[in-house]
Amino acid sequence: MYGWGERRPADTVSFFVQLGVPEAASRWIAAYLSERGHLFKQWGADEKATQLAQSLHEGVWFSAGDIDT
């Protein structure tokens, strides 16, 4: 994950659950990110590269065909 960016949800666990991630996994992911930070930070990536990657994904949604979700 690239981190939360400007749109970090107040309840990160509920955010993952709403995306369809099982609650136990959602809790683990939220705790992992809270304790260690996003992956680019862990890898020592340049902050500008991190911001570029975030900008490509933050707030992006798409649909495929006629599905409702």
N, C-alpha and C. Protein backbone atom coordinates (compact mmCIF):
# COMPACT_ATOMS: atom_id res chain seq x y z
N MET A 1 0.84 -1.18 0.00
CA MET A 1 0.00 0.00 0.00
C MET A 1 0.87 1.23 0.00
N TYR A 2 0.37 2.27 -0.60
CA TYR A 2 1.10 3.53 -0.70
C TYR A 2 0.84 4.44 0.49
N GLY A 3 0.01 4.04 1.40
CA GLY A 3 -0.36 4.90 2.51
C GLY A 3 -1.74 5.51 2.27
N TRP A 4 -2.19 6.31 3.20
CA TRP A 4 -3.55 6.83 3.14
C TRP A 4 -3.68 8.11 2.36
N GLY A 5 -2.65 8.87 2.22
CA GLY A 5 -2.77 10.13 1.51
C GLY A 5 -3.66 11.09 2.26
N GLU A 6 -4.34 11.96 1.54
CA GLU A 6 -5.18 12.99 2.15
C GLU A 6 -6.53 12.46 2.63
N ARG A 7 -6.92 11.28 2.19
CA ARG A 7 -8.26 10.77 2.48
C ARG A 7 -8.27 9.59 3.44
N ARG A 8 -7.47 9.66 4.47
CA ARG A 8 -7.43 8.56 5.45
C ARG A 8 -8.77 8.47 6.15
N PRO A 9 -9.41 7.30 6.12
CA PRO A 9 -10.69 7.15 6.80
C PRO A 9 -10.51 7.18 8.32
N ALA A 10 -11.52 7.66 9.03
CA ALA A 10 -11.46 7.70 10.49
C ALA A 10 -11.35 6.29 11.08
N ASP A 11 -12.08 5.35 10.49
CA ASP A 11 -12.06 3.96 10.95
C ASP A 11 -11.50 3.10 9.82
N THR A 12 -10.21 2.84 9.87
CA THR A 12 -9.56 2.12 8.77
C THR A 12 -10.02 0.67 8.67
N VAL A 13 -10.33 0.06 9.80
CA VAL A 13 -10.80 -1.33 9.77
C VAL A 13 -12.13 -1.41 9.01
N SER A 14 -13.06 -0.53 9.34
CA SER A 14 -14.35 -0.52 8.65
C SER A 14 -14.18 -0.24 7.16
N PHE A 15 -13.23 0.61 6.82
CA PHE A 15 -12.95 0.91 5.42
C PHE A 15 -12.60 -0.37 4.65
N PHE A 16 -11.70 -1.16 5.20
CA PHE A 16 -11.32 -2.41 4.53
C PHE A 16 -12.48 -3.40 4.48
N VAL A 17 -13.24 -3.48 5.58
CA VAL A 17 -14.39 -4.39 5.61
C VAL A 17 -15.40 -4.00 4.53
N GLN A 18 -15.64 -2.71 4.35
CA GLN A 18 -16.57 -2.25 3.31
C GLN A 18 -16.08 -2.60 1.91
N LEU A 19 -14.76 -2.77 1.76
CA LEU A 19 -14.21 -3.18 0.47
C LEU A 19 -14.29 -4.69 0.26
N GLY A 20 -14.75 -5.41 1.28
CA GLY A 20 -14.91 -6.86 1.16
C GLY A 20 -13.80 -7.67 1.80
N VAL A 21 -12.89 -7.00 2.50
CA VAL A 21 -11.80 -7.70 3.18
C VAL A 21 -12.36 -8.26 4.49
N PRO A 22 -12.10 -9.54 4.79
CA PRO A 22 -12.60 -10.11 6.05
C PRO A 22 -12.12 -9.28 7.25
N GLU A 23 -12.94 -9.24 8.30
CA GLU A 23 -12.63 -8.37 9.44
C GLU A 23 -11.28 -8.68 10.08
N ALA A 24 -10.96 -9.95 10.24
CA ALA A 24 -9.67 -10.29 10.86
C ALA A 24 -8.50 -9.77 10.03
N ALA A 25 -8.60 -9.92 8.73
CA ALA A 25 -7.55 -9.42 7.84
C ALA A 25 -7.52 -7.89 7.85
N SER A 26 -8.70 -7.27 7.91
CA SER A 26 -8.79 -5.81 7.97
C SER A 26 -8.10 -5.27 9.21
N ARG A 27 -8.30 -5.93 10.33
CA ARG A 27 -7.64 -5.51 11.57
C ARG A 27 -6.13 -5.65 11.46
N TRP A 28 -5.68 -6.74 10.86
CA TRP A 28 -4.24 -6.97 10.71
C TRP A 28 -3.62 -5.90 9.80
N ILE A 29 -4.26 -5.63 8.67
CA ILE A 29 -3.73 -4.64 7.73
C ILE A 29 -3.67 -3.26 8.38
N ALA A 30 -4.75 -2.86 9.05
CA ALA A 30 -4.80 -1.55 9.70
C ALA A 30 -3.71 -1.43 10.77
N ALA A 31 -3.53 -2.48 11.57
CA ALA A 31 -2.49 -2.45 12.61
C ALA A 31 -1.10 -2.40 11.98
N TYR A 32 -0.89 -3.19 10.94
CA TYR A 32 0.40 -3.22 10.25
C TYR A 32 0.78 -1.84 9.73
N LEU A 33 -0.15 -1.19 9.05
CA LEU A 33 0.12 0.14 8.49
C LEU A 33 0.33 1.17 9.60
N SER A 34 -0.43 1.05 10.67
CA SER A 34 -0.30 1.98 11.79
C SER A 34 1.07 1.85 12.46
N GLU A 35 1.52 0.62 12.62
CA GLU A 35 2.79 0.36 13.32
C GLU A 35 4.01 0.61 12.44
N ARG A 36 3.93 0.26 11.17
CA ARG A 36 5.12 0.27 10.31
C ARG A 36 5.12 1.34 9.23
N GLY A 37 3.96 1.90 8.93
CA GLY A 37 3.88 2.86 7.83
C GLY A 37 3.68 2.13 6.51
N HIS A 38 3.47 2.91 5.47
CA HIS A 38 3.22 2.32 4.16
C HIS A 38 4.48 1.66 3.60
N LEU A 39 4.30 0.82 2.60
CA LEU A 39 5.40 0.02 2.07
C LEU A 39 6.52 0.85 1.47
N PHE A 40 6.19 1.91 0.75
CA PHE A 40 7.25 2.72 0.15
C PHE A 40 8.15 3.31 1.23
N LYS A 41 7.55 3.71 2.35
CA LYS A 41 8.35 4.24 3.47
C LYS A 41 9.26 3.15 4.02
N GLN A 42 8.72 1.94 4.17
CA GLN A 42 9.51 0.82 4.68
C GLN A 42 10.68 0.50 3.75
N TRP A 43 10.46 0.65 2.46
CA TRP A 43 11.49 0.34 1.47
C TRP A 43 12.50 1.47 1.30
N GLY A 44 12.22 2.64 1.90
CA GLY A 44 13.13 3.76 1.77
C GLY A 44 13.00 4.50 0.45
N ALA A 45 11.83 4.39 -0.19
CA ALA A 45 11.63 5.07 -1.47
C ALA A 45 11.61 6.58 -1.28
N ASP A 46 12.04 7.28 -2.30
CA ASP A 46 12.01 8.73 -2.30
C ASP A 46 10.58 9.23 -2.10
N GLU A 47 10.41 10.28 -1.31
CA GLU A 47 9.07 10.80 -1.02
C GLU A 47 8.35 11.27 -2.28
N LYS A 48 9.07 11.82 -3.23
CA LYS A 48 8.43 12.26 -4.48
C LYS A 48 7.88 11.08 -5.27
N ALA A 49 8.58 9.96 -5.25
CA ALA A 49 8.09 8.75 -5.92
C ALA A 49 6.83 8.24 -5.23
N THR A 50 6.82 8.31 -3.91
CA THR A 50 5.65 7.90 -3.15
C THR A 50 4.45 8.78 -3.49
N GLN A 51 4.66 10.08 -3.52
CA GLN A 51 3.57 11.00 -3.84
C GLN A 51 3.05 10.77 -5.26
N LEU A 52 3.95 10.49 -6.20
CA LEU A 52 3.52 10.20 -7.56
C LEU A 52 2.65 8.95 -7.61
N ALA A 53 3.09 7.89 -6.95
CA ALA A 53 2.31 6.64 -6.92
C ALA A 53 0.95 6.87 -6.26
N GLN A 54 0.93 7.63 -5.17
CA GLN A 54 -0.34 7.92 -4.50
C GLN A 54 -1.28 8.68 -5.42
N SER A 55 -0.76 9.65 -6.14
CA SER A 55 -1.62 10.47 -6.99
C SER A 55 -2.26 9.67 -8.12
N LEU A 56 -1.62 8.59 -8.52
CA LEU A 56 -2.17 7.74 -9.58
C LEU A 56 -3.33 6.88 -9.08
N HIS A 57 -3.43 6.69 -7.77
CA HIS A 57 -4.41 5.76 -7.22
C HIS A 57 -5.44 6.39 -6.30
N GLU A 58 -5.11 7.48 -5.65
CA GLU A 58 -6.00 8.05 -4.66
C GLU A 58 -7.29 8.57 -5.30
N GLY A 59 -8.40 8.08 -4.80
CA GLY A 59 -9.69 8.53 -5.29
C GLY A 59 -10.09 7.96 -6.63
N VAL A 60 -9.35 7.00 -7.13
CA VAL A 60 -9.65 6.42 -8.44
C VAL A 60 -10.59 5.23 -8.26
N TRP A 61 -11.69 5.26 -8.98
CA TRP A 61 -12.64 4.16 -8.98
C TRP A 61 -12.98 3.83 -10.42
N PHE A 62 -13.38 2.63 -10.67
CA PHE A 62 -13.75 2.23 -12.02
C PHE A 62 -14.87 1.21 -11.96
N SER A 63 -15.50 0.98 -13.10
CA SER A 63 -16.50 -0.07 -13.16
C SER A 63 -16.19 -0.94 -14.37
N ALA A 64 -16.63 -2.17 -14.27
CA ALA A 64 -16.41 -3.13 -15.35
C ALA A 64 -17.77 -3.63 -15.81
N GLY A 65 -18.10 -3.39 -17.04
CA GLY A 65 -19.37 -3.86 -17.57
C GLY A 65 -20.55 -3.24 -16.86
N ASP A 66 -21.56 -4.04 -16.60
CA ASP A 66 -22.78 -3.54 -15.98
C ASP A 66 -22.92 -3.94 -14.50
N ILE A 67 -21.80 -4.29 -13.86
CA ILE A 67 -21.90 -4.69 -12.45
C ILE A 67 -22.15 -3.46 -11.59
N ASP A 68 -22.83 -3.65 -10.48
CA ASP A 68 -23.21 -2.54 -9.61
C ASP A 68 -22.15 -2.19 -8.57
N THR A 69 -21.18 -3.06 -8.34
CA THR A 69 -20.21 -2.81 -7.28
C THR A 69 -18.82 -2.60 -7.84
